[in-house]
């Protein structure tokens, strides 16, 4: 009887050991998931921020190439004979972001929502597409908007050239990313400086708002930075 009892004891020990081992693996799995999921989410957000910043740098390069070609930055929007807005500056930079074919299909003499132009609004160029919003909004939307006013770089009244930027190109914001209100990329809709300052910067996934400056640099800001932004919203620092 003794050998049999010893055998049963060994089996029990082995079974208990295996159960403990499996429980250990399960616990490790739960622990790993608890640790890894936030890290994965943070890494994804960081990658999205990097992609978005690169998009804005490409927008900045396009704006500078536009200036080199035409002697001035694009206006915030084009207008018809009556002064009514037709289309966005985002359409005007298409040849400078390798979108010549899309640009060739666009009729600049018509409004953005005309029968000729409206179908093109669904074809958002990659550079104008925020990686954080690709699956959240319909095709055709962008989060990259200009600061548009009579004294901003992308101006509502005239085309601005470098000599007009008396505040210094590194001190003038041109374009920002507004994830709270995506707009059709061809539509002449942007933000005034006052609207920009009313945004809740901390409400974004990263807690920051990304801004493209007139010199092509890209920086991020939180709500705490708003006082210093006051002098960066116009070409003359007003």
Protein backbone atom coordinates (compact mmCIF):
# COMPACT_ATOMS: atom_id res chain seq x y z
CA UNK A 1 0.00 0.00 0.00
CA UNK A 2 2.81 2.35 0.77
CA UNK A 3 4.26 2.42 -2.79
CA UNK A 4 0.77 3.16 -4.12
CA UNK A 5 0.28 6.06 -1.72
CA UNK A 6 3.70 7.43 -2.66
CA UNK A 7 2.71 7.22 -6.33
CA UNK A 8 -0.53 9.08 -5.67
CA UNK A 9 1.38 11.72 -3.75
CA UNK A 10 3.76 12.20 -6.66
CA UNK A 11 0.83 12.56 -9.05
CA UNK A 12 -0.84 15.09 -6.76
CA UNK A 13 2.40 17.04 -6.49
CA UNK A 14 2.84 17.06 -10.27
CA UNK A 15 -0.77 18.13 -10.82
CA UNK A 16 -0.54 20.88 -8.22
CA UNK A 17 2.76 22.03 -9.73
CA UNK A 18 1.24 22.17 -13.22
CA UNK A 19 -1.80 24.05 -11.96
CA UNK A 20 0.41 26.55 -10.16
CA UNK A 21 2.53 26.91 -13.29
CA UNK A 22 -0.53 27.59 -15.47
CA UNK A 23 -1.90 30.04 -12.95
CA UNK A 24 1.46 31.73 -12.96
CA UNK A 25 1.39 32.03 -16.71
CA UNK A 26 -2.14 33.42 -16.60
CA UNK A 27 -1.16 35.95 -13.96
CA UNK A 28 1.89 36.94 -16.00
CA UNK A 29 -0.30 37.33 -19.05
CA UNK A 30 -2.73 39.58 -17.23
CA UNK A 31 0.13 41.56 -15.76
CA UNK A 32 1.83 41.86 -19.13
CA UNK A 33 -1.39 43.05 -20.75
CA UNK A 34 -1.91 45.60 -18.00
CA UNK A 35 1.61 46.91 -18.54
CA UNK A 36 1.80 46.61 -22.31
CA UNK A 37 -1.56 48.05 -23.39
CA UNK A 38 -0.87 51.59 -22.10
CA UNK A 39 2.63 51.43 -23.57
CA UNK A 40 1.24 50.35 -26.95
CA UNK A 41 -1.35 53.13 -26.86
CA UNK A 42 1.31 55.69 -25.98
CA UNK A 43 3.59 54.45 -28.75
CA UNK A 44 0.72 54.65 -31.25
CA UNK A 45 -0.03 58.23 -30.24
CA UNK A 46 3.64 59.15 -30.49
CA UNK A 47 3.81 57.68 -34.00
CA UNK A 48 0.68 59.60 -35.00
CA UNK A 49 2.14 62.83 -33.62
CA UNK A 50 5.37 62.26 -35.54
CA UNK A 51 3.47 61.58 -38.78
CA UNK A 52 1.31 64.66 -38.28
CA UNK A 53 4.36 66.81 -37.56
CA UNK A 54 5.99 65.51 -40.73
CA UNK A 55 2.81 66.36 -42.67
CA UNK A 56 2.98 69.90 -41.37
CA UNK A 57 6.64 70.20 -42.32
CA UNK A 58 5.72 69.13 -45.85
CA UNK A 59 2.95 71.74 -45.86
CA UNK A 60 5.52 74.32 -44.77
CA UNK A 61 7.87 73.28 -47.57
CA UNK A 62 4.99 73.54 -50.06
CA UNK A 63 4.15 77.04 -48.84
CA UNK A 64 7.77 78.12 -49.28
CA UNK A 65 7.96 76.59 -52.76
CA UNK A 66 4.73 78.39 -53.65
CA UNK A 67 6.36 81.62 -52.47
CA UNK A 68 9.47 80.90 -54.57
CA UNK A 69 7.26 80.40 -57.63
CA UNK A 70 4.80 83.27 -57.24
CA UNK A 71 6.69 85.72 -55.07
CA UNK A 72 4.19 85.48 -52.21
CA UNK A 73 2.45 82.95 -49.99
CA UNK A 74 -0.99 81.76 -51.11
CA UNK A 75 -4.00 83.66 -49.83
CA UNK A 76 -6.24 81.93 -47.32
CA UNK A 77 -8.72 81.44 -50.16
CA UNK A 78 -9.42 82.58 -53.70
CA UNK A 79 -12.43 84.78 -54.43
CA UNK A 80 -14.82 85.40 -57.33
CA UNK A 81 -15.56 88.75 -58.98
CA UNK A 82 -17.90 89.64 -56.13
CA UNK A 83 -15.28 88.86 -53.49
CA UNK A 84 -16.94 85.64 -52.34
CA UNK A 85 -14.59 82.80 -51.26
CA UNK A 86 -14.13 80.05 -53.85
CA UNK A 87 -11.56 77.56 -52.67
CA UNK A 88 -8.94 76.95 -50.00
CA UNK A 89 -5.21 77.56 -49.95
CA UNK A 90 -4.92 73.80 -49.55
CA UNK A 91 -5.95 73.42 -53.19
CA UNK A 92 -3.43 76.05 -54.32
CA UNK A 93 -0.46 74.09 -52.88
CA UNK A 94 -1.39 70.82 -54.64
CA UNK A 95 1.35 71.15 -57.30
CA UNK A 96 3.88 71.53 -54.48
CA UNK A 97 2.88 68.33 -52.67
CA UNK A 98 3.13 66.09 -55.75
CA UNK A 99 -0.60 66.29 -56.53
CA UNK A 100 -0.39 67.76 -60.04
CA UNK A 101 -3.00 65.42 -61.51
CA UNK A 102 -5.55 66.25 -58.82
CA UNK A 103 -4.80 69.94 -59.32
CA UNK A 104 -5.32 69.64 -63.07
CA UNK A 105 -8.87 68.36 -62.49
CA UNK A 106 -9.81 71.28 -60.27
CA UNK A 107 -11.55 74.34 -61.76
CA UNK A 108 -10.29 77.35 -59.82
CA UNK A 109 -12.92 79.58 -61.40
CA UNK A 110 -15.68 77.68 -59.62
CA UNK A 111 -16.55 77.28 -55.91
CA UNK A 112 -15.21 74.30 -54.00
CA UNK A 113 -18.68 72.70 -53.88
CA UNK A 114 -19.54 73.16 -57.56
CA UNK A 115 -20.53 70.05 -59.58
CA UNK A 116 -17.05 70.06 -61.13
CA UNK A 117 -15.08 70.42 -57.90
CA UNK A 118 -17.15 68.74 -55.20
CA UNK A 119 -16.35 65.13 -56.29
CA UNK A 120 -12.65 65.95 -55.85
CA UNK A 121 -13.24 66.84 -52.19
CA UNK A 122 -13.29 63.15 -51.27
CA UNK A 123 -9.72 62.70 -52.55
CA UNK A 124 -7.80 64.12 -49.61
CA UNK A 125 -4.04 64.17 -50.28
CA UNK A 126 -2.06 62.07 -47.81
CA UNK A 127 -0.16 65.09 -46.52
CA UNK A 128 -3.44 66.77 -45.57
CA UNK A 129 -4.78 63.69 -43.78
CA UNK A 130 -4.26 63.46 -40.03
CA UNK A 131 -3.23 59.90 -39.04
CA UNK A 132 -5.25 60.16 -35.85
CA UNK A 133 -8.50 60.80 -37.73
CA UNK A 134 -8.30 58.43 -40.69
CA UNK A 135 -10.89 56.04 -39.28
CA UNK A 136 -13.01 58.56 -37.40
CA UNK A 137 -14.17 60.90 -40.14
CA UNK A 138 -15.42 60.62 -43.70
CA UNK A 139 -12.92 60.88 -46.54
CA UNK A 140 -12.37 64.45 -47.62
CA UNK A 141 -11.79 65.92 -44.17
CA UNK A 142 -8.66 67.58 -42.86
CA UNK A 143 -7.55 68.94 -39.51
CA UNK A 144 -4.87 71.24 -40.94
CA UNK A 145 -6.19 74.79 -40.97
CA UNK A 146 -4.56 78.17 -41.41
CA UNK A 147 -4.78 81.13 -39.11
CA UNK A 148 -6.73 83.36 -41.48
CA UNK A 149 -7.26 87.09 -40.96
CA UNK A 150 -6.24 90.43 -42.53
CA UNK A 151 -2.88 90.30 -40.72
CA UNK A 152 -1.94 86.61 -40.87
CA UNK A 153 0.49 84.82 -43.18
CA UNK A 154 -2.26 83.10 -45.17
CA UNK A 155 -4.17 86.30 -45.55
CA UNK A 156 -7.86 86.95 -46.17
CA UNK A 157 -7.25 90.22 -48.03
CA UNK A 158 -3.92 89.98 -49.87
CA UNK A 159 -0.95 87.75 -50.62
CA UNK A 160 1.88 88.12 -48.12
CA UNK A 161 5.57 87.95 -49.01
CA UNK A 162 8.60 87.65 -46.75
CA UNK A 163 9.23 91.42 -46.46
CA UNK A 164 5.72 91.79 -45.00
CA UNK A 165 6.57 89.52 -42.07
CA UNK A 166 7.96 92.15 -39.71
CA UNK A 167 7.43 89.92 -36.68
CA UNK A 168 10.03 87.42 -37.94
CA UNK A 169 9.23 84.15 -39.68
CA UNK A 170 10.12 82.07 -36.60
CA UNK A 171 7.56 84.02 -34.57
CA UNK A 172 4.53 83.77 -36.87
CA UNK A 173 2.19 80.77 -36.86
CA UNK A 174 0.87 79.84 -40.30
CA UNK A 175 -1.04 76.56 -39.89
CA UNK A 176 -2.33 74.58 -36.91
CA UNK A 177 -3.92 71.19 -36.42
CA UNK A 178 -7.46 71.46 -35.06
CA UNK A 179 -8.60 67.91 -34.31
CA UNK A 180 -11.81 69.15 -32.69
CA UNK A 181 -13.38 70.36 -35.93
CA UNK A 182 -12.23 68.68 -39.17
CA UNK A 183 -13.28 70.50 -42.35
CA UNK A 184 -13.51 69.54 -46.03
CA UNK A 185 -9.98 70.08 -47.32
CA UNK A 186 -11.08 72.06 -50.40
CA UNK A 187 -13.48 74.30 -48.47
CA UNK A 188 -12.27 77.83 -47.69
CA UNK A 189 -12.67 77.32 -43.95
CA UNK A 190 -9.93 78.04 -41.40
CA UNK A 191 -9.53 79.62 -37.97
CA UNK A 192 -9.18 83.22 -36.97
CA UNK A 193 -6.48 83.88 -34.36
CA UNK A 194 -9.22 84.46 -31.79
CA UNK A 195 -10.87 81.12 -32.58
CA UNK A 196 -7.52 79.40 -32.27
CA UNK A 197 -6.94 80.74 -28.77
CA UNK A 198 -10.39 79.56 -27.70
CA UNK A 199 -9.51 75.94 -28.49
CA UNK A 200 -8.89 73.61 -25.56
CA UNK A 201 -5.35 72.46 -26.38
CA UNK A 202 -5.39 69.92 -23.56
CA UNK A 203 -8.45 68.16 -25.01
CA UNK A 204 -6.39 66.49 -27.74
CA UNK A 205 -5.14 62.90 -27.18
CA UNK A 206 -1.61 64.25 -26.66
CA UNK A 207 -2.72 67.25 -24.60
CA UNK A 208 -1.02 69.55 -27.12
CA UNK A 209 -1.74 71.44 -30.34
CA UNK A 210 0.76 71.33 -33.19
CA UNK A 211 1.61 74.53 -35.06
CA UNK A 212 3.55 75.23 -38.25
CA UNK A 213 5.51 78.47 -38.24
CA UNK A 214 6.30 80.68 -41.21
CA UNK A 215 9.93 79.55 -41.26
CA UNK A 216 8.82 75.91 -41.71
CA UNK A 217 9.44 74.82 -38.13
CA UNK A 218 6.86 72.81 -36.19
CA UNK A 219 6.19 73.17 -32.46
CA UNK A 220 3.60 71.98 -29.96
CA UNK A 221 1.74 73.99 -27.34
CA UNK A 222 -0.51 73.39 -24.33
CA UNK A 223 -3.09 75.67 -22.73
CA UNK A 224 -0.36 76.98 -20.44
CA UNK A 225 1.46 78.39 -23.47
CA UNK A 226 -1.43 80.58 -24.66
CA UNK A 227 -0.07 83.84 -23.16
CA UNK A 228 3.12 83.57 -25.21
CA UNK A 229 1.14 82.79 -28.36
CA UNK A 230 -0.53 86.19 -28.39
CA UNK A 231 2.37 87.76 -30.28
CA UNK A 232 2.74 84.86 -32.73
CA UNK A 233 -0.63 85.06 -34.47
CA UNK A 234 0.04 87.87 -36.94
CA UNK A 235 2.76 88.93 -39.38
CA UNK A 236 3.36 92.16 -37.43
CA UNK A 237 3.00 90.82 -33.88
CA UNK A 238 -0.13 92.85 -33.19
